[in-house]
C-alpha atoms as a PDB file:
ATOM      1  CA  MET A   1       4.025  10.975  11.509  1.00  0.00           C
ATOM      2  CA  LEU A   2       2.522  10.463   8.498  1.00  0.00           C
ATOM      3  CA  THR A   3       4.256  12.172   6.093  1.00  0.00           C
ATOM      4  CA  GLU A   4       7.551  11.326   7.616  1.00  0.00           C
ATOM      5  CA  ILE A   5       6.479   7.636   6.839  1.00  0.00           C
ATOM      6  CA  LEU A   6       5.133   8.449   3.148  1.00  0.00           C
ATOM      7  CA  HIS A   7       8.788  10.269   2.423  1.00  0.00           C
ATOM      8  CA  GLY A   8      10.584   7.388   2.856  1.00  0.00           C
ATOM      9  CA  ILE A   9      14.157   6.914   1.159  1.00  0.00           C
ATOM     10  CA  ILE A  10      14.402   3.354  -1.299  1.00  0.00           C
ATOM     11  CA  HIS A  11      17.499   2.212  -3.083  1.00  0.00           C
ATOM     12  CA  PRO A  12      16.606  -0.497  -5.226  1.00  0.00           C
ATOM     13  CA  MET A  13      18.954  -2.981  -7.112  1.00  0.00           C
ATOM     14  CA  THR A  14      20.055  -2.034 -10.407  1.00  0.00           C
ATOM     15  CA  GLU A  15      19.328  -4.045 -13.469  1.00  0.00           C
ATOM     16  CA  ARG A  16      22.931  -5.781 -14.011  1.00  0.00           C
ATOM     17  CA  ASP A  17      23.085  -6.949 -10.190  1.00  0.00           C
ATOM     18  CA  LEU A  18      19.035  -8.456 -10.850  1.00  0.00           C
ATOM     19  CA  ILE A  19      20.583 -10.742 -13.470  1.00  0.00           C
ATOM     20  CA  ALA A  20      23.635 -11.272 -11.814  1.00  0.00           C
ATOM     21  CA  HIS A  21      21.564 -12.680  -8.551  1.00  0.00           C
ATOM     22  CA  THR A  22      18.852 -14.591 -10.536  1.00  0.00           C
ATOM     23  CA  SER A  23      19.034 -18.341 -11.720  1.00  0.00           C
ATOM     24  CA  THR A  24      16.415 -18.251 -13.969  1.00  0.00           C
ATOM     25  CA  PRO A  25      14.072 -15.606 -15.403  1.00  0.00           C
ATOM     26  CA  ALA A  26      10.883 -15.274 -13.634  1.00  0.00           C
ATOM     27  CA  THR A  27       8.580 -15.315 -16.442  1.00  0.00           C
ATOM     28  CA  VAL A  28       4.359 -14.466 -16.452  1.00  0.00           C
ATOM     29  CA  GLU A  29       3.005 -18.394 -16.818  1.00  0.00           C
ATOM     30  CA  SER A  30       6.101 -19.485 -13.608  1.00  0.00           C
ATOM     31  CA  LEU A  31       5.280 -16.267 -11.449  1.00  0.00           C
ATOM     32  CA  THR A  32       1.803 -17.849 -12.242  1.00  0.00           C
ATOM     33  CA  ALA A  33       2.220 -20.922 -10.900  1.00  0.00           C
ATOM     34  CA  ASP A  34       4.032 -19.474  -8.233  1.00  0.00           C
ATOM     35  CA  PHE A  35       0.940 -17.122  -6.683  1.00  0.00           C
ATOM     36  CA  ALA A  36      -1.129 -20.554  -7.047  1.00  0.00           C
ATOM     37  CA  ALA A  37       1.087 -21.975  -5.155  1.00  0.00           C
ATOM     38  CA  LEU A  38       0.913 -19.546  -2.656  1.00  0.00           C
ATOM     39  CA  GLY A  39      -3.267 -19.720  -1.931  1.00  0.00           C
ATOM     40  CA  LEU A  40      -4.038 -16.916  -4.093  1.00  0.00           C
ATOM     41  CA  ARG A  41      -7.628 -18.610  -6.290  1.00  0.00           C
ATOM     42  CA  ALA A  42      -9.836 -17.138  -9.178  1.00  0.00           C
ATOM     43  CA  GLY A  43     -12.553 -14.829  -6.998  1.00  0.00           C
ATOM     44  CA  MET A  44     -10.099 -13.870  -4.495  1.00  0.00           C
ATOM     45  CA  THR A  45      -9.912 -10.321  -3.252  1.00  0.00           C
ATOM     46  CA  VAL A  46      -5.594  -9.883  -2.410  1.00  0.00           C
ATOM     47  CA  LEU A  47      -4.622  -6.796  -1.629  1.00  0.00           C
ATOM     48  CA  VAL A  48      -0.526  -6.443  -2.120  1.00  0.00           C
ATOM     49  CA  HIS A  49       2.263  -4.757  -1.374  1.00  0.00           C
ATOM     50  CA  SER A  50       5.322  -5.687  -3.634  1.00  0.00           C
ATOM     51  CA  SER A  51       9.204  -5.024  -4.351  1.00  0.00           C
ATOM     52  CA  LEU A  52       9.658  -5.659  -7.938  1.00  0.00           C
ATOM     53  CA  SER A  53      13.585  -6.526  -7.706  1.00  0.00           C
ATOM     54  CA  SER A  54      13.351  -8.904  -4.775  1.00  0.00           C
ATOM     55  CA  LEU A  55      11.914 -11.235  -7.745  1.00  0.00           C
ATOM     56  CA  GLY A  56      14.962 -11.111  -9.254  1.00  0.00           C
ATOM     57  CA  TRP A  57      15.005 -10.257 -12.790  1.00  0.00           C
ATOM     58  CA  VAL A  58      11.539 -10.879 -14.465  1.00  0.00           C
ATOM     59  CA  ASN A  59      10.753 -11.540 -18.548  1.00  0.00           C
ATOM     60  CA  GLY A  60       8.536  -8.052 -18.550  1.00  0.00           C
ATOM     61  CA  GLY A  61       9.003  -6.297 -15.332  1.00  0.00           C
ATOM     62  CA  ALA A  62       5.635  -4.874 -13.340  1.00  0.00           C
ATOM     63  CA  HIS A  63       4.219  -5.657 -16.281  1.00  0.00           C
ATOM     64  CA  ALA A  64       4.166  -9.381 -16.031  1.00  0.00           C
ATOM     65  CA  VAL A  65       4.077  -9.726 -11.980  1.00  0.00           C
ATOM     66  CA  ILE A  66       0.420  -7.762 -12.792  1.00  0.00           C
ATOM     67  CA  LEU A  67      -0.350 -10.106 -15.622  1.00  0.00           C
ATOM     68  CA  ALA A  68       0.387 -13.262 -13.546  1.00  0.00           C
ATOM     69  CA  LEU A  69      -1.930 -11.733 -10.114  1.00  0.00           C
ATOM     70  CA  GLU A  70      -4.383 -10.936 -12.363  1.00  0.00           C
ATOM     71  CA  GLY A  71      -4.492 -14.310 -14.543  1.00  0.00           C
ATOM     72  CA  VAL A  72      -4.694 -16.175 -10.917  1.00  0.00           C
ATOM     73  CA  LEU A  73      -7.570 -13.919  -9.856  1.00  0.00           C
ATOM     74  CA  THR A  74      -9.238 -13.651 -12.551  1.00  0.00           C
ATOM     75  CA  ARG A  75     -12.064 -10.574 -13.421  1.00  0.00           C
ATOM     76  CA  SER A  76     -14.185 -12.391 -10.815  1.00  0.00           C
ATOM     77  CA  GLY A  77     -12.095 -11.697  -8.456  1.00  0.00           C
ATOM     78  CA  THR A  78     -10.462  -7.908  -7.614  1.00  0.00           C
ATOM     79  CA  LEU A  79      -6.707  -6.774  -6.865  1.00  0.00           C
ATOM     80  CA  VAL A  80      -5.765  -3.615  -4.774  1.00  0.00           C
ATOM     81  CA  MET A  81      -2.406  -1.967  -4.452  1.00  0.00           C
ATOM     82  CA  PRO A  82      -1.692   1.186  -2.375  1.00  0.00           C
ATOM     83  CA  THR A  83      -1.120   3.868  -4.410  1.00  0.00           C
ATOM     84  CA  GLN A  84       0.609   6.647  -2.032  1.00  0.00           C
ATOM     85  CA  SER A  85       1.343   9.868  -3.021  1.00  0.00           C
ATOM     86  CA  GLY A  86       3.073  11.638   0.264  1.00  0.00           C
ATOM     87  CA  ASP A  87       4.426  14.566  -1.342  1.00  0.00           C
ATOM     88  CA  LEU A  88       1.021  16.144  -1.559  1.00  0.00           C
ATOM     89  CA  SER A  89       1.354  17.504   2.206  1.00  0.00           C
ATOM     90  CA  ASP A  90       2.504  19.825   4.244  1.00  0.00           C
ATOM     91  CA  PRO A  91       6.285  20.377   3.692  1.00  0.00           C
ATOM     92  CA  ALA A  92       6.386  21.363   7.192  1.00  0.00           C
ATOM     93  CA  HIS A  93       6.586  17.912   8.406  1.00  0.00           C
ATOM     94  CA  TRP A  94       9.027  16.314   5.446  1.00  0.00           C
ATOM     95  CA  GLN A  95      11.867  15.058   6.549  1.00  0.00           C
ATOM     96  CA  ASN A  96      13.027  12.565   3.748  1.00  0.00           C
ATOM     97  CA  PRO A  97      14.471  15.384   2.934  1.00  0.00           C
ATOM     98  CA  PRO A  98      13.541  18.535   4.598  1.00  0.00           C
ATOM     99  CA  VAL A  99      13.303  22.008   2.685  1.00  0.00           C
ATOM    100  CA  PRO A 100      14.297  24.889   3.498  1.00  0.00           C
ATOM    101  CA  GLU A 101      11.465  26.901   5.684  1.00  0.00           C
ATOM    102  CA  VAL A 102      11.164  29.973   3.373  1.00  0.00           C
ATOM    103  CA  TRP A 103      10.198  27.133   0.789  1.00  0.00           C
ATOM    104  CA  TRP A 104       7.189  26.419   2.814  1.00  0.00           C
ATOM    105  CA  ALA A 105       4.608  28.656   1.995  1.00  0.00           C
ATOM    106  CA  ALA A 106       5.699  28.759  -2.145  1.00  0.00           C
ATOM    107  CA  ILE A 107       5.408  25.331  -2.043  1.00  0.00           C
ATOM    108  CA  ARG A 108       2.092  25.231  -0.080  1.00  0.00           C
ATOM    109  CA  ASP A 109       0.923  27.330  -2.711  1.00  0.00           C
ATOM    110  CA  THR A 110       1.799  26.202  -6.095  1.00  0.00           C
ATOM    111  CA  MET A 111       1.472  22.256  -5.581  1.00  0.00           C
ATOM    112  CA  PRO A 112      -0.076  20.306  -7.854  1.00  0.00           C
ATOM    113  CA  ALA A 113      -3.903  19.384  -6.995  1.00  0.00           C
ATOM    114  CA  PHE A 114      -3.744  15.336  -6.497  1.00  0.00           C
ATOM    115  CA  ASP A 115      -5.043  14.206 -10.262  1.00  0.00           C
ATOM    116  CA  PRO A 116      -5.938  10.386  -9.660  1.00  0.00           C
ATOM    117  CA  ASP A 117      -4.973   9.766 -12.964  1.00  0.00           C
ATOM    118  CA  LEU A 118      -1.831  12.007 -13.468  1.00  0.00           C
ATOM    119  CA  THR A 119      -0.492  12.107 -10.197  1.00  0.00           C
ATOM    120  CA  PRO A 120       1.960   9.897  -9.594  1.00  0.00           C
ATOM    121  CA  THR A 121       2.904   7.268  -6.446  1.00  0.00           C
ATOM    122  CA  ARG A 122       5.945   8.017  -4.063  1.00  0.00           C
ATOM    123  CA  ASN A 123       8.028   5.535  -3.014  1.00  0.00           C
ATOM    124  CA  MET A 124       5.666   2.440  -4.065  1.00  0.00           C
ATOM    125  CA  GLY A 125       7.919   0.848  -6.173  1.00  0.00           C
ATOM    126  CA  LYS A 126       7.846   0.029 -10.105  1.00  0.00           C
ATOM    127  CA  ILE A 127       5.003  -2.805  -9.286  1.00  0.00           C
ATOM    128  CA  PRO A 128       1.927  -0.006  -8.173  1.00  0.00           C
ATOM    129  CA  GLU A 129       2.775   2.736 -10.069  1.00  0.00           C
ATOM    130  CA  THR A 130       2.291   0.677 -13.321  1.00  0.00           C
ATOM    131  CA  PHE A 131      -0.812  -0.915 -12.336  1.00  0.00           C
ATOM    132  CA  ARG A 132      -2.186   2.246 -11.573  1.00  0.00           C
ATOM    133  CA  LYS A 133      -1.930   3.424 -15.272  1.00  0.00           C
ATOM    134  CA  GLN A 134      -4.020  -0.199 -16.357  1.00  0.00           C
ATOM    135  CA  GLN A 135      -6.933   0.956 -18.562  1.00  0.00           C
ATOM    136  CA  GLY A 136     -10.196  -0.926 -16.320  1.00  0.00           C
ATOM    137  CA  VAL A 137      -8.094   0.126 -12.874  1.00  0.00           C
ATOM    138  CA  ARG A 138      -9.472   2.604 -10.394  1.00  0.00           C
ATOM    139  CA  ARG A 139      -7.762   4.898  -7.972  1.00  0.00           C
ATOM    140  CA  SER A 140      -9.178   6.348  -4.697  1.00  0.00           C
ATOM    141  CA  ARG A 141      -9.731  10.306  -4.702  1.00  0.00           C
ATOM    142  CA  HIS A 142      -7.310  10.775  -1.178  1.00  0.00           C
ATOM    143  CA  PRO A 143      -4.729  12.979  -2.156  1.00  0.00           C
ATOM    144  CA  GLN A 144      -1.942  11.365  -0.020  1.00  0.00           C
ATOM    145  CA  VAL A 145      -3.055   7.141   0.845  1.00  0.00           C
ATOM    146  CA  SER A 146      -4.713   6.256  -2.464  1.00  0.00           C
ATOM    147  CA  PHE A 147      -5.640   3.143  -3.200  1.00  0.00           C
ATOM    148  CA  ALA A 148      -6.078   1.229  -6.541  1.00  0.00           C
ATOM    149  CA  ALA A 149      -8.183  -1.714  -7.492  1.00  0.00           C
ATOM    150  CA  TRP A 150      -8.991  -4.261 -10.470  1.00  0.00           C
ATOM    151  CA  GLY A 151     -11.550  -6.634 -11.127  1.00  0.00           C
ATOM    152  CA  ALA A 152     -15.392  -7.130  -9.761  1.00  0.00           C
ATOM    153  CA  SER A 153     -15.550  -5.244  -6.533  1.00  0.00           C
ATOM    154  CA  ALA A 154     -12.638  -2.676  -7.786  1.00  0.00           C
ATOM    155  CA  THR A 155     -15.483   0.220  -6.987  1.00  0.00           C
ATOM    156  CA  HIS A 156     -16.870  -0.766  -4.027  1.00  0.00           C
ATOM    157  CA  VAL A 157     -13.062  -1.219  -2.640  1.00  0.00           C
ATOM    158  CA  ILE A 158     -11.683   2.460  -3.195  1.00  0.00           C
ATOM    159  CA  GLY A 159     -15.197   4.459  -3.657  1.00  0.00           C
ATOM    160  CA  SER A 160     -15.883   6.297  -0.860  1.00  0.00           C
ATOM    161  CA  HIS A 161     -12.347   6.429   0.538  1.00  0.00           C
ATOM    162  CA  THR A 162     -12.990   9.544   2.918  1.00  0.00           C
ATOM    163  CA  LEU A 163     -10.651  12.294   3.443  1.00  0.00           C
ATOM    164  CA  GLU A 164     -10.504  12.502   7.062  1.00  0.00           C
ATOM    165  CA  TYR A 165      -9.483   9.646   9.219  1.00  0.00           C
ATOM    166  CA  SER A 166      -8.514   7.949   5.787  1.00  0.00           C
ATOM    167  CA  LEU A 167      -6.789   4.850   6.267  1.00  0.00           C
ATOM    168  CA  GLY A 168      -9.805   4.140   9.365  1.00  0.00           C
ATOM    169  CA  GLU A 169     -13.303   3.357   8.406  1.00  0.00           C
ATOM    170  CA  GLY A 170     -13.936   5.470   5.452  1.00  0.00           C
ATOM    171  CA  SER A 171     -10.829   3.412   4.199  1.00  0.00           C
ATOM    172  CA  PRO A 172     -10.207   1.216   1.181  1.00  0.00           C
ATOM    173  CA  LEU A 173      -8.865  -0.887   4.084  1.00  0.00           C
ATOM    174  CA  ALA A 174     -12.119  -1.506   5.832  1.00  0.00           C
ATOM    175  CA  ARG A 175     -13.817  -1.983   2.425  1.00  0.00           C
ATOM    176  CA  LEU A 176     -11.068  -4.556   2.212  1.00  0.00           C
ATOM    177  CA  TYR A 177     -11.848  -6.176   5.892  1.00  0.00           C
ATOM    178  CA  GLU A 178     -15.699  -6.245   4.863  1.00  0.00           C
ATOM    179  CA  LEU A 179     -15.076  -8.723   2.116  1.00  0.00           C
ATOM    180  CA  ASP A 180     -12.882 -11.126   3.711  1.00  0.00           C
ATOM    181  CA  ALA A 181      -9.673  -9.820   1.518  1.00  0.00           C
ATOM    182  CA  ARG A 182      -6.537 -11.663   1.754  1.00  0.00           C
ATOM    183  CA  VAL A 183      -2.740  -9.473   1.803  1.00  0.00           C
ATOM    184  CA  LEU A 184       0.506 -10.653   0.339  1.00  0.00           C
ATOM    185  CA  LEU A 185       3.269  -9.371   0.758  1.00  0.00           C
ATOM    186  CA  ILE A 186       5.941 -10.048  -1.995  1.00  0.00           C
ATOM    187  CA  GLY A 187       9.788  -9.829  -0.796  1.00  0.00           C
ATOM    188  CA  VAL A 188       8.344  -6.910   1.801  1.00  0.00           C
ATOM    189  CA  GLY A 189       8.170  -7.262   5.648  1.00  0.00           C
ATOM    190  CA  HIS A 190       4.890  -6.140   7.619  1.00  0.00           C
ATOM    191  CA  SER A 191       6.779  -2.079   7.911  1.00  0.00           C
ATOM    192  CA  ASN A 192       4.833  -1.734   4.030  1.00  0.00           C
ATOM    193  CA  ASN A 193       1.544  -3.258   5.206  1.00  0.00           C
ATOM    194  CA  THR A 194      -0.768  -1.085   5.518  1.00  0.00           C
ATOM    195  CA  SER A 195      -3.755  -3.231   6.831  1.00  0.00           C
ATOM    196  CA  LEU A 196      -1.487  -2.761  10.322  1.00  0.00           C
ATOM    197  CA  HIS A 197      -3.245   1.022   9.986  1.00  0.00           C
ATOM    198  CA  LEU A 198      -6.153  -0.389   9.974  1.00  0.00           C
ATOM    199  CA  ALA A 199      -5.645  -1.558  13.305  1.00  0.00           C
ATOM    200  CA  GLU A 200      -4.028   1.702  14.579  1.00  0.00           C
ATOM    201  CA  TYR A 201      -7.928   3.218  13.656  1.00  0.00           C
ATOM    202  CA  ARG A 202      -9.796   0.618  15.879  1.00  0.00           C
ATOM    203  CA  ALA A 203      -6.983  -0.378  18.942  1.00  0.00           C
ATOM    204  CA  ASP A 204      -7.581   1.613  21.924  1.00  0.00           C
ATOM    205  CA  TYR A 205      -3.708   2.432  23.304  1.00  0.00           C
ATOM    206  CA  PRO A 206      -1.814   5.423  24.567  1.00  0.00           C
ATOM    207  CA  GLY A 207      -0.579   8.526  23.243  1.00  0.00           C
ATOM    208  CA  LYS A 208      -3.480   7.815  20.172  1.00  0.00           C
ATOM    209  CA  ARG A 209      -4.278  11.638  19.259  1.00  0.00           C
ATOM    210  CA  VAL A 210      -5.364  13.128  16.240  1.00  0.00           C
ATOM    211  CA  MET A 211      -3.109  15.181  13.938  1.00  0.00           C
ATOM    212  CA  LYS A 212      -4.176  17.860  11.663  1.00  0.00           C
ATOM    213  CA  TYR A 213      -3.137  17.686   7.874  1.00  0.00           C
ATOM    214  CA  GLY A 214      -3.070  19.143   4.626  1.00  0.00           C
ATOM    215  CA  ALA A 215      -3.337  18.220   0.868  1.00  0.00           C
ATOM    216  CA  PRO A 216      -4.047  20.440  -2.759  1.00  0.00           C
ATOM    217  CA  ILE A 217      -7.136  18.690  -4.056  1.00  0.00           C
ATOM    218  CA  MET A 218      -9.662  19.871  -6.764  1.00  0.00           C
ATOM    219  CA  VAL A 219     -13.204  21.690  -5.138  1.00  0.00           C
ATOM    220  CA  ASN A 220     -16.279  22.165  -7.481  1.00  0.00           C
ATOM    221  CA  GLY A 221     -13.417  22.120 -10.390  1.00  0.00           C
ATOM    222  CA  GLU A 222     -10.663  24.850  -8.515  1.00  0.00           C
ATOM    223  CA  TRP A 223      -7.787  24.487  -6.641  1.00  0.00           C
ATOM    224  CA  GLN A 224      -7.936  24.681  -2.459  1.00  0.00           C
ATOM    225  CA  TRP A 225      -5.346  23.744  -0.238  1.00  0.00           C
ATOM    226  CA  VAL A 226      -8.018  21.357   2.587  1.00  0.00           C
ATOM    227  CA  GLU A 227      -6.675  20.261   5.865  1.00  0.00           C
ATOM    228  CA  PHE A 228      -8.451  17.240   7.757  1.00  0.00           C
ATOM    229  CA  ASP A 229      -7.627  15.427  10.896  1.00  0.00           C
ATOM    230  CA  ASP A 230      -6.520  12.080  10.983  1.00  0.00           C
ATOM    231  CA  ILE A 231      -4.487  10.049  13.730  1.00  0.00           C
ATOM    232  CA  ASP A 232      -0.622  10.247  13.884  1.00  0.00           C
ATOM    233  CA  ILE A 233      -0.059   6.918  12.917  1.00  0.00           C
ATOM    234  CA  ASN A 234       3.451   5.203  13.872  1.00  0.00           C
ATOM    235  CA  PRO A 235       4.320   1.840  11.862  1.00  0.00           C
ATOM    236  CA  ASP A 236       7.649   1.410  13.941  1.00  0.00           C
ATOM    237  CA  ASP A 237       5.814  -1.515  15.768  1.00  0.00           C
ATOM    238  CA  PHE A 238       4.706  -3.225  12.804  1.00  0.00           C
ATOM    239  CA  THR A 239       7.695  -5.824  11.810  1.00  0.00           C
ATOM    240  CA  LEU A 240       7.227  -6.794  15.602  1.00  0.00           C
ATOM    241  CA  VAL A 241       3.418  -7.226  15.823  1.00  0.00           C
ATOM    242  CA  GLY A 242       4.030  -9.032  12.108  1.00  0.00           C
ATOM    243  CA  ALA A 243       6.031 -11.531  13.802  1.00  0.00           C
ATOM    244  CA  ALA A 244       3.722 -11.940  16.583  1.00  0.00           C
ATOM    245  CA  PHE A 245       1.419 -12.736  14.239  1.00  0.00           C
ATOM    246  CA  GLU A 246       3.060 -14.866  11.645  1.00  0.00           C
ATOM    247  CA  GLU A 247       3.474 -16.786  15.018  1.00  0.00           C
ATOM    248  CA  THR A 248       0.413 -18.278  15.153  1.00  0.00           C
ATOM    249  CA  GLY A 249       0.471 -20.291  12.115  1.00  0.00           C
ATOM    250  CA  LEU A 250      -2.154 -18.024  10.549  1.00  0.00           C
ATOM    251  CA  ALA A 251       0.205 -16.824   7.523  1.00  0.00           C
ATOM    252  CA  HIS A 252       1.298 -19.125   4.799  1.00  0.00           C
ATOM    253  CA  LYS A 253       5.430 -18.666   3.580  1.00  0.00           C
ATOM    254  CA  GLY A 254       6.306 -19.518   0.270  1.00  0.00           C
ATOM    255  CA  ARG A 255       8.609 -17.959  -2.806  1.00  0.00           C
ATOM    256  CA  ALA A 256       7.837 -16.425  -6.110  1.00  0.00           C
ATOM    257  CA  ALA A 257      10.432 -16.046  -7.951  1.00  0.00           C
ATOM    258  CA  CYS A 258      12.981 -14.659  -5.923  1.00  0.00           C
ATOM    259  CA  ALA A 259      10.712 -13.389  -3.583  1.00  0.00           C
ATOM    260  CA  GLY A 260       9.697 -14.720   0.112  1.00  0.00           C
ATOM    261  CA  CYS A 261       6.595 -14.498   0.375  1.00  0.00           C
ATOM    262  CA  SER A 262       3.610 -14.153   2.911  1.00  0.00           C
ATOM    263  CA  PHE A 263      -0.250 -14.821   2.020  1.00  0.00           C
ATOM    264  CA  PHE A 264      -2.613 -14.564   4.825  1.00  0.00           C
ATOM    265  CA  SER A 265      -6.442 -13.285   5.698  1.00  0.00           C
ATOM    266  CA  GLN A 266      -6.106  -9.348   6.172  1.00  0.00           C
ATOM    267  CA  ARG A 267      -9.488  -9.738   8.727  1.00  0.00           C
ATOM    268  CA  ALA A 268      -6.968 -12.703  10.853  1.00  0.00           C
ATOM    269  CA  LEU A 269      -4.111 -10.166  10.983  1.00  0.00           C
ATOM    270  CA  VAL A 270      -6.034  -6.384  11.588  1.00  0.00           C
ATOM    271  CA  ASP A 271      -8.124  -8.497  14.655  1.00  0.00           C
ATOM    272  CA  PHE A 272      -4.834  -9.821  16.185  1.00  0.00           C
ATOM    273  CA  ALA A 273      -3.015  -6.562  15.780  1.00  0.00           C
ATOM    274  CA  VAL A 274      -5.983  -4.663  17.343  1.00  0.00           C
ATOM    275  CA  ARG A 275      -5.798  -7.129  20.333  1.00  0.00           C
ATOM    276  CA  TRP A 276      -1.522  -6.756  20.183  1.00  0.00           C
ATOM    277  CA  PHE A 277      -1.755  -2.873  20.270  1.00  0.00           C
ATOM    278  CA  GLY A 278      -4.133  -2.341  23.076  1.00  0.00           C
ATOM    279  CA  GLU A 279      -1.634  -4.667  25.168  1.00  0.00           C
ATOM    280  CA  ASN A 280       1.825  -4.148  23.866  1.00  0.00           C
ATOM    281  CA  ARG A 281       1.512  -0.172  22.705  1.00  0.00           C
ATOM    282  CA  LYS A 282       2.466   1.784  25.533  1.00  0.00           C
END
């Protein structure tokens, strides 16, 4: 299931569509004001999930969005984004799209090892793909579900990301929970909310199981295909748990440019979702 999730298909709007659906272009200044109105403040630690096209036409694109977020948080805060690269995985599990079985062995044997600087994101969107290349941004070393961070707590958040159980207690998500971070959804729903995976690891529900995964990494300077254990994550009910969480009133709803946004405590969400999964997953 992990690699199926990481191989989703995204169909972005064209720039012509964005212009046609935008009444006033967004700028660094207007987005800064919008993010502040949503509740972002200097010194906060914020995990952002985003869709650039949801904002409408932005003067400066992803670059402008990142500058606005960092401008609000300042260097006393910390900005974090998921920078996943699900294509560095066993092709036997690929579904969107699958590849012929006769290719599997050759793909495994020749797939380049994960490089936190060179390996691009997959299906993460333009904002995190741009953010990961910014000077001063650090990226965790997990080959499939890395995170990138900028600011005061960046090293703490991404520095000890474990290969096994990659979205659990050894992940940046757990470090964000410890820091009482906030989550900002920009034009995306809870199906994109990676913090719900941390709740999956912590929750007790029927059918929870451990799977074997693989990826190419560098070990002592040499390429290796390494296998590791992880739980079989499943976001099929993330929209439901997210809707139930927002009914509590703990999420602040608002807008940034054309995008609907939700801003809330990651700790509150995870604690709520742990209970929800235990009661509702069958």
